[in-house]
Amino acid sequence: MNAPGHVLVVGASAAGLGTAEALRRKGFTGRLTLAGAEPEPPYDRPPLSKRVLAGAWEPARAHLRTPDVLDVLDARFLLGDPATALDAERRSVSTASGRTLTADAIVVATGIRARRLSGHGGPQGVHVLRTLADAAALRADLLGARRVVVVGDGVLGAETAATVRTMGLEVCLVGPQPAPMTGQLGPLVARRLSALHAGNGVVLRAGVLLDGLLTRDGRVSGVRLSDGEELEADVVVTAIGSSPATDWLDGSGLRLDDGVVCDAYCRAADGVWAVGDVARWHHEGLGRLLRLENRTNASEQALAVAGNILGENRPYSPVPYFWTDQFDVRIQVFGLPSAEAPARVVEGDLAQGRFVVCQDGPRGPVSVLGWNMPRQTRSHRASLVDHYTRPLEPTAP
């Protein structure tokens, strides 16, 4: 396979930049263009809900590379100009400013968008947290607030609640699960996380949904929950999920179904690949489509996509991994935990606040979760490799 003369990466965040950098490391010397919707240079998202929100970092510190390093990449950056359409057959992309960009290979790296309660409007004081601008706006509002309600008990909601609480504000975390992050951690570790939040002063409202916002003079004043309870709030943060940023791909010729559907090589069509949060690819080890929203996958998949653009032709079958920092705890997760899989402590002790938990499935271990035991958690990852990297054998008829 001949290397393309021009690669266009649509999306200039971690996955897009990672793909461009991997192409250069692998010897690609052709033209390289990165088109991004946001005006900022590529930045990291995990610090937004932690160090940037808390004020420990200035926003610019979240930038992934300095200007000098980006210059060495020898790429053309077109920032603040969202893509509006793709013609996969012609390999051309239209942008909001009226540009038409063509390339030999196109990488879709447009990520996800935060779900909002009611479009982009609503009362003042209601925030989402996805972009650098979101983090800055939320922090500015928090500095004049006393009571905060965080709606959504997944990773982002739990991290945000922890950060806001460390800023000295009253925080209530609301969500439908029995404990924060039950879907990502399983019930055993999620209950421990619930106790961590409660022990640090976060008020938990579990098993309930948001029924509506309470307002006064155009600004949020509280929330009403599905059980009828009303909570006062100066600021409300909604972390109620996200959706792949694929609306610009309608009519492109790509298959769209909870992301850009790809084969095992992250290829969506001839000459078109997808990477990062937006990519839903065939994971050979699991024998099904998978889409991951985390920083580690953005980096690992970028490396795989760059290699496949250059003809390596290797399926992407990672052991999924993410981490989260909340209060004084780092939780690391290898694999895909579930609320149903049985869990067992394999190292440490729950009561001591340092432990490793394994979950088992029909084919053996499916996940490893570590709580303030990074080295031991990594050592248990080896038990998952066969489950995730060996192609699933078809069952007999």
Protein backbone atom coordinates (compact mmCIF):
# COMPACT_ATOMS: atom_id res chain seq x y z
CA MET A 1 0.00 0.00 0.00
CA ASN A 2 1.37 3.41 -0.97
CA ALA A 3 1.44 6.08 1.71
CA PRO A 4 -1.08 8.88 1.11
CA GLY A 5 0.24 12.22 -0.03
CA HIS A 6 -2.11 14.23 2.19
CA VAL A 7 -3.84 13.23 5.44
CA LEU A 8 -6.67 15.38 6.78
CA VAL A 9 -7.58 14.93 10.46
CA VAL A 10 -10.98 16.40 11.36
CA GLY A 11 -10.82 17.11 15.07
CA ALA A 12 -7.82 18.68 16.81
CA SER A 13 -8.06 17.30 20.34
CA ALA A 14 -6.12 14.42 21.90
CA ALA A 15 -7.13 11.73 19.41
CA GLY A 16 -6.63 13.95 16.36
CA LEU A 17 -3.31 15.34 17.49
CA GLY A 18 -2.21 11.86 18.57
CA THR A 19 -2.92 10.51 15.10
CA ALA A 20 -0.93 13.30 13.45
CA GLU A 21 2.02 12.82 15.78
CA ALA A 22 1.98 9.04 15.31
CA LEU A 23 2.01 9.50 11.53
CA ARG A 24 5.15 11.61 11.78
CA ARG A 25 6.83 9.18 14.18
CA LYS A 26 6.12 6.35 11.77
CA GLY A 27 7.85 8.21 8.96
CA PHE A 28 5.00 9.95 7.13
CA THR A 29 6.46 12.92 5.24
CA GLY A 30 3.41 14.04 3.27
CA ARG A 31 1.05 16.94 3.87
CA LEU A 32 -0.80 16.94 7.18
CA THR A 33 -3.84 19.08 8.03
CA LEU A 34 -5.76 19.25 11.31
CA ALA A 35 -9.15 20.98 11.28
CA GLY A 36 -10.75 21.74 14.64
CA ALA A 37 -14.05 23.25 15.70
CA GLU A 38 -12.64 25.02 18.75
CA PRO A 39 -10.35 28.05 18.46
CA GLU A 40 -7.89 26.77 21.10
CA PRO A 41 -4.85 24.69 20.20
CA PRO A 42 -5.13 21.00 21.17
CA TYR A 43 -5.70 20.54 24.90
CA ASP A 44 -6.26 17.74 27.40
CA ARG A 45 -9.75 17.17 28.79
CA PRO A 46 -9.19 15.13 32.00
CA PRO A 47 -7.76 18.14 33.91
CA LEU A 48 -10.85 20.22 33.15
CA SER A 49 -12.95 18.61 35.89
CA LYS A 50 -10.07 18.60 38.36
CA ARG A 51 -7.05 20.94 38.30
CA VAL A 52 -8.44 23.54 35.89
CA LEU A 53 -11.83 23.68 37.61
CA ALA A 54 -10.21 23.89 41.04
CA GLY A 55 -7.94 26.72 39.91
CA ALA A 56 -4.74 24.72 40.54
CA TRP A 57 -3.92 25.09 36.84
CA GLU A 58 -4.29 28.06 34.57
CA PRO A 59 -6.32 26.98 31.49
CA ALA A 60 -3.29 27.23 29.19
CA ARG A 61 -1.57 24.52 31.21
CA ALA A 62 -4.06 22.02 29.78
CA HIS A 63 -2.65 22.56 26.28
CA LEU A 64 -1.16 19.31 25.04
CA ARG A 65 1.85 20.85 23.31
CA THR A 66 3.70 24.15 23.25
CA PRO A 67 3.61 26.21 20.03
CA ASP A 68 7.22 25.24 19.30
CA VAL A 69 6.41 21.53 19.48
CA LEU A 70 3.39 21.98 17.22
CA ASP A 71 5.58 23.80 14.70
CA VAL A 72 7.92 20.82 14.53
CA LEU A 73 4.95 18.64 13.53
CA ASP A 74 4.93 20.49 10.20
CA ALA A 75 1.14 20.43 9.99
CA ARG A 76 -1.43 22.96 8.91
CA PHE A 77 -3.85 23.80 11.74
CA LEU A 78 -7.28 25.17 10.82
CA LEU A 79 -8.88 25.98 14.17
CA GLY A 80 -12.23 27.50 15.00
CA ASP A 81 -13.74 26.24 11.75
CA PRO A 82 -16.12 23.30 12.36
CA ALA A 83 -16.59 20.66 9.69
CA THR A 84 -20.09 20.70 8.23
CA ALA A 85 -20.08 17.86 5.68
CA LEU A 86 -18.06 14.93 4.40
CA ASP A 87 -18.14 13.31 0.99
CA ALA A 88 -16.51 9.97 1.75
CA GLU A 89 -16.32 8.88 -1.88
CA ARG A 90 -14.52 12.05 -2.95
CA ARG A 91 -12.67 12.38 0.36
CA SER A 92 -13.60 16.00 0.77
CA VAL A 93 -14.71 17.96 3.83
CA SER A 94 -16.68 21.20 3.90
CA THR A 95 -16.31 23.63 6.80
CA ALA A 96 -18.42 26.39 8.32
CA SER A 97 -16.25 29.12 6.78
CA GLY A 98 -16.86 27.78 3.27
CA ARG A 99 -13.62 25.87 2.84
CA THR A 100 -13.50 22.61 0.90
CA LEU A 101 -10.65 20.38 2.02
CA THR A 102 -9.64 17.30 0.05
CA ALA A 103 -7.13 14.62 0.99
CA ASP A 104 -5.99 11.11 0.16
CA ALA A 105 -6.89 9.92 3.66
CA ILE A 106 -9.35 11.41 6.15
CA VAL A 107 -9.48 10.73 9.89
CA VAL A 108 -12.70 11.57 11.76
CA ALA A 109 -11.77 12.65 15.30
CA THR A 110 -14.63 14.98 16.21
CA GLY A 111 -15.27 13.38 19.61
CA ILE A 112 -18.47 13.81 21.57
CA ARG A 113 -20.79 16.59 22.70
CA ALA A 114 -22.21 17.00 26.18
CA ARG A 115 -25.94 16.39 26.46
CA ARG A 116 -27.84 19.42 27.65
CA LEU A 117 -31.15 19.64 29.47
CA SER A 118 -32.85 21.76 26.82
CA GLY A 119 -30.69 22.59 23.85
CA HIS A 120 -28.27 25.45 24.37
CA GLY A 121 -30.62 27.81 26.22
CA GLY A 122 -31.91 27.75 29.77
CA PRO A 123 -31.41 29.84 32.89
CA GLN A 124 -28.09 31.26 34.01
CA GLY A 125 -26.13 29.13 36.42
CA VAL A 126 -26.66 25.83 34.57
CA HIS A 127 -23.47 24.37 33.16
CA VAL A 128 -22.01 21.45 31.26
CA LEU A 129 -18.31 20.57 31.36
CA ARG A 130 -16.76 19.42 28.11
CA THR A 131 -14.55 22.20 26.76
CA LEU A 132 -11.95 24.60 28.10
CA ALA A 133 -14.50 27.38 27.73
CA ASP A 134 -17.02 25.34 29.75
CA ALA A 135 -14.49 24.91 32.56
CA ALA A 136 -13.71 28.62 32.66
CA ALA A 137 -17.39 29.61 32.73
CA LEU A 138 -18.22 27.07 35.45
CA ARG A 139 -15.28 28.11 37.62
CA ALA A 140 -16.26 31.77 37.35
CA ASP A 141 -19.79 30.93 38.53
CA LEU A 142 -18.56 28.71 41.36
CA LEU A 143 -16.45 31.50 42.85
CA GLY A 144 -19.65 33.34 43.76
CA ALA A 145 -21.68 30.29 44.78
CA ARG A 146 -22.35 28.45 48.03
CA ARG A 147 -24.61 25.53 47.05
CA VAL A 148 -24.07 23.33 44.00
CA VAL A 149 -26.07 20.43 42.60
CA VAL A 150 -24.33 18.05 40.22
CA VAL A 151 -26.78 16.04 38.12
CA GLY A 152 -25.32 12.80 36.80
CA ASP A 153 -23.44 10.14 38.76
CA GLY A 154 -21.01 8.83 36.14
CA VAL A 155 -17.30 9.59 35.95
CA LEU A 156 -17.64 13.28 35.08
CA GLY A 157 -20.36 13.95 37.64
CA ALA A 158 -18.47 12.23 40.44
CA GLU A 159 -15.20 13.99 39.58
CA THR A 160 -16.91 17.36 39.39
CA ALA A 161 -18.67 16.86 42.72
CA ALA A 162 -15.36 15.92 44.36
CA THR A 163 -13.58 18.97 42.94
CA VAL A 164 -16.33 21.39 43.90
CA ARG A 165 -16.42 19.99 47.42
CA THR A 166 -12.65 20.51 47.80
CA MET A 167 -13.29 24.16 46.88
CA GLY A 168 -15.34 24.44 50.07
CA LEU A 169 -18.82 24.54 48.55
CA GLU A 170 -21.89 22.58 49.61
CA VAL A 171 -22.43 19.85 47.01
CA CYS A 172 -25.25 17.43 46.28
CA LEU A 173 -24.64 14.66 43.73
CA VAL A 174 -27.82 13.39 42.09
CA GLY A 175 -28.16 10.32 39.89
CA PRO A 176 -30.22 7.27 38.97
CA GLN A 177 -27.70 4.64 40.07
CA PRO A 178 -27.61 3.07 43.55
CA ALA A 179 -24.11 4.54 44.02
CA PRO A 180 -21.90 6.82 41.91
CA MET A 181 -20.28 5.12 38.92
CA THR A 182 -21.98 1.75 39.52
CA GLY A 183 -22.05 1.16 35.77
CA GLN A 184 -18.33 1.84 35.42
CA LEU A 185 -17.09 0.16 38.62
CA GLY A 186 -19.61 -2.46 39.61
CA PRO A 187 -21.54 -2.31 42.91
CA LEU A 188 -18.73 -3.34 45.29
CA VAL A 189 -16.33 -0.52 44.39
CA ALA A 190 -19.15 1.95 43.72
CA ARG A 191 -20.37 1.54 47.30
CA ARG A 192 -16.86 2.34 48.49
CA LEU A 193 -16.88 5.44 46.27
CA SER A 194 -20.22 6.48 47.73
CA ALA A 195 -18.74 6.26 51.22
CA LEU A 196 -15.73 8.31 50.11
CA HIS A 197 -17.96 11.11 48.86
CA ALA A 198 -20.20 11.04 51.92
CA GLY A 199 -17.18 11.04 54.21
CA ASN A 200 -15.94 14.19 52.50
CA GLY A 201 -19.24 15.99 52.92
CA VAL A 202 -20.92 15.39 49.56
CA VAL A 203 -24.66 14.90 49.96
CA LEU A 204 -25.85 11.97 47.81
CA ARG A 205 -29.27 11.52 46.28
CA ALA A 206 -29.16 8.08 44.68
CA GLY A 207 -31.79 6.38 42.55
CA VAL A 208 -33.50 9.58 41.44
CA LEU A 209 -33.71 11.63 38.26
CA LEU A 210 -33.93 15.34 37.61
CA ASP A 211 -37.56 16.38 37.14
CA GLY A 212 -36.98 20.06 36.51
CA LEU A 213 -35.10 23.25 37.29
CA LEU A 214 -36.25 25.91 39.73
CA THR A 215 -35.54 29.48 38.68
CA ARG A 216 -35.71 33.01 40.00
CA ASP A 217 -35.25 36.12 37.83
CA GLY A 218 -33.75 34.17 34.95
CA ARG A 219 -31.25 32.26 37.07
CA VAL A 220 -31.34 28.75 38.46
CA SER A 221 -32.27 28.58 42.15
CA GLY A 222 -32.56 24.83 42.59
CA VAL A 223 -33.76 21.52 41.19
CA ARG A 224 -36.80 19.33 41.60
CA LEU A 225 -36.17 15.58 41.71
CA SER A 226 -38.30 12.72 40.44
CA ASP A 227 -39.30 11.80 43.99
CA GLY A 228 -40.64 15.31 44.57
CA GLU A 229 -37.75 16.62 46.67
CA GLU A 230 -36.53 20.14 45.92
CA LEU A 231 -32.91 21.16 46.45
CA GLU A 232 -31.64 24.72 46.57
CA ALA A 233 -28.70 25.55 44.31
CA ASP A 234 -26.75 28.59 43.16
CA VAL A 235 -25.13 26.53 40.40
CA VAL A 236 -26.25 23.33 38.67
CA VAL A 237 -23.82 21.16 36.71
CA THR A 238 -25.35 18.62 34.35
CA ALA A 239 -23.23 15.58 33.59
CA ILE A 240 -25.97 13.51 32.00
CA GLY A 241 -23.99 11.85 29.26
CA SER A 242 -22.83 12.69 25.80
CA SER A 243 -23.43 11.86 22.17
CA PRO A 244 -20.93 11.34 19.33
CA ALA A 245 -20.38 14.46 17.24
CA THR A 246 -21.58 12.95 13.97
CA ASP A 247 -24.38 15.27 12.85
CA TRP A 248 -22.02 16.79 10.26
CA LEU A 249 -21.63 13.31 8.73
CA ASP A 250 -25.29 12.89 7.72
CA GLY A 251 -25.34 11.98 4.03
CA SER A 252 -21.60 11.30 3.99
CA GLY A 253 -21.91 7.65 3.02
CA LEU A 254 -20.54 6.47 6.38
CA ARG A 255 -22.52 4.18 8.64
CA LEU A 256 -23.55 6.07 11.78
CA ASP A 257 -24.85 4.20 14.82
CA ASP A 258 -23.80 5.56 18.22
CA GLY A 259 -20.67 6.86 16.51
CA VAL A 260 -18.86 6.20 13.27
CA VAL A 261 -19.03 2.45 12.66
CA CYS A 262 -15.68 0.98 11.63
CA ASP A 263 -14.09 -2.39 10.97
CA ALA A 264 -11.43 -3.95 13.20
CA TYR A 265 -8.84 -1.62 11.66
CA CYS A 266 -10.82 1.52 12.58
CA ARG A 267 -11.63 2.04 8.89
CA ALA A 268 -15.06 3.54 8.19
CA ALA A 269 -14.78 3.56 4.38
CA ASP A 270 -12.10 3.37 1.74
CA GLY A 271 -9.61 6.06 2.74
CA VAL A 272 -11.60 7.14 5.82
CA TRP A 273 -10.82 6.21 9.43
CA ALA A 274 -12.26 7.21 12.80
CA VAL A 275 -10.47 7.61 16.12
CA GLY A 276 -11.25 8.46 19.73
CA ASP A 277 -14.62 9.03 21.37
CA VAL A 278 -16.47 9.17 18.04
CA ALA A 279 -15.22 5.79 16.74
CA ARG A 280 -17.30 2.63 17.18
CA TRP A 281 -15.17 -0.16 15.86
CA HIS A 282 -15.23 -3.96 15.77
CA HIS A 283 -13.21 -5.25 18.71
CA GLU A 284 -12.06 -8.71 17.63
CA GLY A 285 -11.41 -9.92 21.17
CA LEU A 286 -14.98 -9.12 22.21
CA GLY A 287 -16.55 -10.02 18.88
CA ARG A 288 -18.68 -6.86 18.85
CA LEU A 289 -18.70 -3.15 18.21
CA LEU A 290 -17.21 -1.00 20.95
CA ARG A 291 -16.93 2.73 21.55
CA LEU A 292 -14.81 4.09 24.40
CA GLU A 293 -14.85 7.60 25.85
CA ASN A 294 -11.55 7.99 27.64
CA ARG A 295 -8.15 9.57 27.28
CA THR A 296 -6.18 6.32 27.11
CA ASN A 297 -8.17 5.04 24.17
CA ALA A 298 -7.68 8.33 22.33
CA SER A 299 -3.91 7.83 22.48
CA GLU A 300 -3.80 4.09 21.82
CA GLN A 301 -6.30 4.18 18.97
CA ALA A 302 -4.49 7.13 17.39
CA LEU A 303 -1.36 5.02 17.16
CA ALA A 304 -3.29 2.14 15.59
CA VAL A 305 -5.06 4.37 13.05
CA ALA A 306 -1.81 6.02 12.00
CA GLY A 307 -0.23 2.62 11.44
CA ASN A 308 -3.16 1.37 9.40
CA ILE A 309 -3.19 4.50 7.24
CA LEU A 310 0.43 3.67 6.42
CA GLY A 311 -0.36 0.05 5.58
CA GLU A 312 0.37 -1.86 8.81
CA ASN A 313 -3.07 -3.51 8.60
CA ARG A 314 -3.32 -4.48 12.26
CA PRO A 315 -6.64 -4.89 14.09
CA TYR A 316 -7.12 -2.70 17.13
CA SER A 317 -8.00 -4.92 20.13
CA PRO A 318 -6.95 -3.12 23.31
CA VAL A 319 -7.54 -3.93 26.94
CA PRO A 320 -9.71 -0.90 27.83
CA TYR A 321 -8.34 1.33 30.57
CA PHE A 322 -9.36 4.50 32.36
CA TRP A 323 -8.61 6.20 35.64
CA THR A 324 -10.29 8.78 37.83
CA ASP A 325 -8.94 10.94 40.65
CA GLN A 326 -11.42 11.90 43.37
CA PHE A 327 -10.41 13.47 46.69
CA ASP A 328 -7.27 11.56 47.76
CA VAL A 329 -8.06 8.43 45.77
CA ARG A 330 -6.95 7.24 42.34
CA ILE A 331 -9.14 4.52 40.85
CA GLN A 332 -7.73 2.59 37.89
CA VAL A 333 -9.88 0.33 35.75
CA PHE A 334 -8.66 -2.24 33.23
CA GLY A 335 -11.28 -4.03 31.14
CA LEU A 336 -15.03 -3.48 31.16
CA PRO A 337 -16.59 -3.88 34.62
CA SER A 338 -20.31 -4.52 34.92
CA ALA A 339 -22.94 -4.23 37.59
CA GLU A 340 -23.67 -7.97 37.31
CA ALA A 341 -20.25 -9.68 37.24
CA PRO A 342 -19.12 -11.19 40.56
CA ALA A 343 -16.23 -9.32 42.20
CA ARG A 344 -13.46 -10.48 44.53
CA VAL A 345 -10.72 -8.63 46.36
CA VAL A 346 -7.36 -10.05 45.22
CA GLU A 347 -5.01 -7.64 47.01
CA GLY A 348 -5.28 -5.21 49.90
CA ASP A 349 -8.32 -4.52 52.03
CA LEU A 350 -11.46 -2.48 51.41
CA ALA A 351 -11.46 -1.18 54.97
CA GLN A 352 -7.86 0.04 54.67
CA GLY A 353 -8.57 2.06 51.51
CA ARG A 354 -6.03 0.24 49.33
CA PHE A 355 -7.18 -2.75 47.31
CA VAL A 356 -7.46 -4.48 43.93
CA VAL A 357 -10.72 -6.08 42.80
CA CYS A 358 -11.21 -8.53 39.93
CA GLN A 359 -14.48 -9.28 38.18
CA ASP A 360 -15.04 -12.62 36.46
CA GLY A 361 -17.13 -13.58 33.44
CA PRO A 362 -17.85 -16.82 31.57
CA ARG A 363 -14.45 -16.67 29.82
CA GLY A 364 -12.44 -15.69 32.89
CA PRO A 365 -11.49 -12.29 34.34
CA VAL A 366 -13.17 -9.33 32.61
CA SER A 367 -11.92 -6.40 34.67
CA VAL A 368 -9.37 -5.30 37.25
CA LEU A 369 -10.07 -2.28 39.47
CA GLY A 370 -7.48 -0.70 41.73
CA TRP A 371 -8.00 1.73 44.59
CA ASN A 372 -4.78 3.54 45.48
CA MET A 373 -2.70 0.50 44.46
CA PRO A 374 -1.30 1.45 41.03
CA ARG A 375 1.58 -1.01 40.77
CA GLN A 376 -0.47 -3.99 41.95
CA THR A 377 -3.35 -3.05 39.66
CA ARG A 378 -1.08 -2.98 36.62
CA SER A 379 0.34 -6.38 37.52
CA HIS A 380 -3.14 -7.93 37.46
CA ARG A 381 -3.83 -6.51 33.98
CA ALA A 382 -2.03 -9.54 32.52
CA SER A 383 -4.97 -11.74 33.49
CA LEU A 384 -7.16 -9.83 31.00
CA VAL A 385 -4.94 -9.93 27.92
CA ASP A 386 -6.27 -13.15 26.40
CA HIS A 387 -9.89 -12.11 26.95
CA TYR A 388 -9.48 -8.82 25.08
CA THR A 389 -6.76 -9.43 22.52
CA ARG A 390 -7.42 -12.96 21.29
CA PRO A 391 -10.10 -13.00 18.54
CA LEU A 392 -13.35 -14.49 19.78
CA GLU A 393 -13.90 -17.89 18.22
CA PRO A 394 -17.30 -18.37 16.57
CA THR A 395 -19.64 -20.69 18.39
CA ALA A 396 -20.53 -24.02 16.81
CA PRO A 397 -23.84 -24.10 14.92
